Each structure stands twice: as structure tokens, then as C-alpha cells.
Amino acid sequence: MMKVEEGAVMKFYTIKLPKFLGGIVRAMLNSFKKG
């Protein structure tokens, strides 16, 4: 059970987190360009 859970968490972080961080970075860059 533990191994399967860890695998799911790793998949979540490797797939969702980069997209999430990318969106934040893009929003920050856009606000800097406007400012």
C-alpha cells in the first residue's frame, strides 16, 4: 500500500506541480512586463 501511494504522489508532483509553477512564473513575468 505504501509503495503505491508514494508512486501516486510522485506522479502528482511530476505532472501537476511543474505546470502549476510554470503558470505562476508566467503570471509574474507578465506582471513585471506590464509594470
PDB file of N, CA and C in Angstrom:
ATOM      1  N   MET A   1       0.841  -1.209   0.000  1.00  0.00           N
ATOM      2  CA  MET A   1       0.000   0.000   0.000  1.00  0.00           C
ATOM      3  C   MET A   1       0.872   1.254   0.000  1.00  0.00           C
ATOM      4  N   MET A   2       1.927   1.221   0.764  1.00  0.00           N
ATOM      5  CA  MET A   2       2.770   2.410   0.882  1.00  0.00           C
ATOM      6  C   MET A   2       3.430   2.742  -0.453  1.00  0.00           C
ATOM      7  N   LYS A   3       3.940   1.707  -1.126  1.00  0.00           N
ATOM      8  CA  LYS A   3       4.647   1.953  -2.391  1.00  0.00           C
ATOM      9  C   LYS A   3       3.704   2.542  -3.437  1.00  0.00           C
ATOM     10  N   VAL A   4       2.493   2.016  -3.500  1.00  0.00           N
ATOM     11  CA  VAL A   4       1.527   2.519  -4.486  1.00  0.00           C
ATOM     12  C   VAL A   4       1.192   3.975  -4.186  1.00  0.00           C
ATOM     13  N   GLU A   5       1.034   4.280  -2.922  1.00  0.00           N
ATOM     14  CA  GLU A   5       0.693   5.656  -2.535  1.00  0.00           C
ATOM     15  C   GLU A   5       1.828   6.610  -2.917  1.00  0.00           C
ATOM     16  N   GLU A   6       3.056   6.205  -2.628  1.00  0.00           N
ATOM     17  CA  GLU A   6       4.203   7.053  -2.963  1.00  0.00           C
ATOM     18  C   GLU A   6       4.277   7.285  -4.464  1.00  0.00           C
ATOM     19  N   GLY A   7       3.991   6.232  -5.247  1.00  0.00           N
ATOM     20  CA  GLY A   7       4.008   6.368  -6.705  1.00  0.00           C
ATOM     21  C   GLY A   7       2.988   7.385  -7.172  1.00  0.00           C
ATOM     22  N   ALA A   8       1.797   7.355  -6.564  1.00  0.00           N
ATOM     23  CA  ALA A   8       0.739   8.296  -6.949  1.00  0.00           C
ATOM     24  C   ALA A   8       1.166   9.723  -6.609  1.00  0.00           C
ATOM     25  N   VAL A   9       1.782   9.895  -5.455  1.00  0.00           N
ATOM     26  CA  VAL A   9       2.229  11.232  -5.042  1.00  0.00           C
ATOM     27  C   VAL A   9       3.313  11.736  -5.995  1.00  0.00           C
ATOM     28  N   MET A  10       4.246  10.846  -6.359  1.00  0.00           N
ATOM     29  CA  MET A  10       5.317  11.239  -7.274  1.00  0.00           C
ATOM     30  C   MET A  10       4.741  11.652  -8.619  1.00  0.00           C
ATOM     31  N   LYS A  11       3.767  10.885  -9.119  1.00  0.00           N
ATOM     32  CA  LYS A  11       3.128  11.223 -10.400  1.00  0.00           C
ATOM     33  C   LYS A  11       2.465  12.587 -10.292  1.00  0.00           C
ATOM     34  N   PHE A  12       1.775  12.820  -9.174  1.00  0.00           N
ATOM     35  CA  PHE A  12       1.080  14.097  -8.981  1.00  0.00           C
ATOM     36  C   PHE A  12       2.075  15.255  -9.028  1.00  0.00           C
ATOM     37  N   TYR A  13       3.197  15.093  -8.307  1.00  0.00           N
ATOM     38  CA  TYR A  13       4.167  16.185  -8.233  1.00  0.00           C
ATOM     39  C   TYR A  13       4.913  16.380  -9.544  1.00  0.00           C
ATOM     40  N   THR A  14       5.203  15.269 -10.270  1.00  0.00           N
ATOM     41  CA  THR A  14       5.980  15.407 -11.506  1.00  0.00           C
ATOM     42  C   THR A  14       5.124  15.950 -12.637  1.00  0.00           C
ATOM     43  N   ILE A  15       3.802  15.752 -12.567  1.00  0.00           N
ATOM     44  CA  ILE A  15       2.920  16.193 -13.654  1.00  0.00           C
ATOM     45  C   ILE A  15       2.245  17.515 -13.320  1.00  0.00           C
ATOM     46  N   LYS A  16       1.645  17.598 -12.134  1.00  0.00           N
ATOM     47  CA  LYS A  16       0.840  18.787 -11.795  1.00  0.00           C
ATOM     48  C   LYS A  16       1.710  19.956 -11.350  1.00  0.00           C
ATOM     49  N   LEU A  17       2.715  19.690 -10.525  1.00  0.00           N
ATOM     50  CA  LEU A  17       3.494  20.776  -9.926  1.00  0.00           C
ATOM     51  C   LEU A  17       4.235  21.617 -10.969  1.00  0.00           C
ATOM     52  N   PRO A  18       4.931  21.000 -11.947  1.00  0.00           N
ATOM     53  CA  PRO A  18       5.630  21.826 -12.948  1.00  0.00           C
ATOM     54  C   PRO A  18       4.687  22.753 -13.697  1.00  0.00           C
ATOM     55  N   LYS A  19       3.490  22.260 -14.051  1.00  0.00           N
ATOM     56  CA  LYS A  19       2.510  23.101 -14.755  1.00  0.00           C
ATOM     57  C   LYS A  19       2.082  24.244 -13.850  1.00  0.00           C
ATOM     58  N   PHE A  20       1.850  23.926 -12.566  1.00  0.00           N
ATOM     59  CA  PHE A  20       1.420  24.934 -11.592  1.00  0.00           C
ATOM     60  C   PHE A  20       2.494  26.011 -11.436  1.00  0.00           C
ATOM     61  N   LEU A  21       3.746  25.574 -11.256  1.00  0.00           N
ATOM     62  CA  LEU A  21       4.847  26.530 -11.093  1.00  0.00           C
ATOM     63  C   LEU A  21       5.045  27.337 -12.366  1.00  0.00           C
ATOM     64  N   GLY A  22       4.920  26.667 -13.525  1.00  0.00           N
ATOM     65  CA  GLY A  22       5.069  27.367 -14.800  1.00  0.00           C
ATOM     66  C   GLY A  22       4.046  28.484 -14.918  1.00  0.00           C
ATOM     67  N   GLY A  23       2.822  28.216 -14.488  1.00  0.00           N
ATOM     68  CA  GLY A  23       1.767  29.229 -14.557  1.00  0.00           C
ATOM     69  C   GLY A  23       2.082  30.410 -13.657  1.00  0.00           C
ATOM     70  N   ILE A  24       2.612  30.125 -12.470  1.00  0.00           N
ATOM     71  CA  ILE A  24       2.949  31.206 -11.534  1.00  0.00           C
ATOM     72  C   ILE A  24       4.071  32.066 -12.114  1.00  0.00           C
ATOM     73  N   VAL A  25       5.100  31.398 -12.659  1.00  0.00           N
ATOM     74  CA  VAL A  25       6.240  32.137 -13.224  1.00  0.00           C
ATOM     75  C   VAL A  25       5.773  33.013 -14.373  1.00  0.00           C
ATOM     76  N   ARG A  26       4.898  32.454 -15.220  1.00  0.00           N
ATOM     77  CA  ARG A  26       4.397  33.218 -16.367  1.00  0.00           C
ATOM     78  C   ARG A  26       3.613  34.439 -15.890  1.00  0.00           C
ATOM     79  N   ALA A  27       2.781  34.252 -14.869  1.00  0.00           N
ATOM     80  CA  ALA A  27       1.975  35.362 -14.355  1.00  0.00           C
ATOM     81  C   ALA A  27       2.889  36.452 -13.789  1.00  0.00           C
ATOM     82  N   MET A  28       3.950  36.032 -13.081  1.00  0.00           N
ATOM     83  CA  MET A  28       4.885  37.001 -12.506  1.00  0.00           C
ATOM     84  C   MET A  28       5.584  37.786 -13.610  1.00  0.00           C
ATOM     85  N   LEU A  29       6.050  37.075 -14.652  1.00  0.00           N
ATOM     86  CA  LEU A  29       6.742  37.745 -15.755  1.00  0.00           C
ATOM     87  C   LEU A  29       5.810  38.727 -16.444  1.00  0.00           C
ATOM     88  N   ASN A  30       4.561  38.330 -16.644  1.00  0.00           N
ATOM     89  CA  ASN A  30       3.590  39.214 -17.305  1.00  0.00           C
ATOM     90  C   ASN A  30       3.368  40.477 -16.478  1.00  0.00           C
ATOM     91  N   SER A  31       3.253  40.325 -15.154  1.00  0.00           N
ATOM     92  CA  SER A  31       3.001  41.489 -14.300  1.00  0.00           C
ATOM     93  C   SER A  31       4.222  42.414 -14.309  1.00  0.00           C
ATOM     94  N   PHE A  32       5.417  41.829 -14.383  1.00  0.00           N
ATOM     95  CA  PHE A  32       6.628  42.658 -14.414  1.00  0.00           C
ATOM     96  C   PHE A  32       6.702  43.446 -15.718  1.00  0.00           C
ATOM     97  N   LYS A  33       6.354  42.796 -16.833  1.00  0.00           N
ATOM     98  CA  LYS A  33       6.402  43.471 -18.135  1.00  0.00           C
ATOM     99  C   LYS A  33       5.408  44.626 -18.175  1.00  0.00           C
ATOM    100  N   LYS A  34       4.224  44.411 -17.604  1.00  0.00           N
ATOM    101  CA  LYS A  34       3.203  45.465 -17.588  1.00  0.00           C
ATOM    102  C   LYS A  34       3.644  46.613 -16.687  1.00  0.00           C
ATOM    103  N   GLY A  35       4.224  46.256 -15.540  1.00  0.00           N
ATOM    104  CA  GLY A  35       4.649  47.275 -14.585  1.00  0.00           C
ATOM    105  C   GLY A  35       5.867  48.023 -15.098  1.00  0.00           C
TER     106      GLY A  35
END
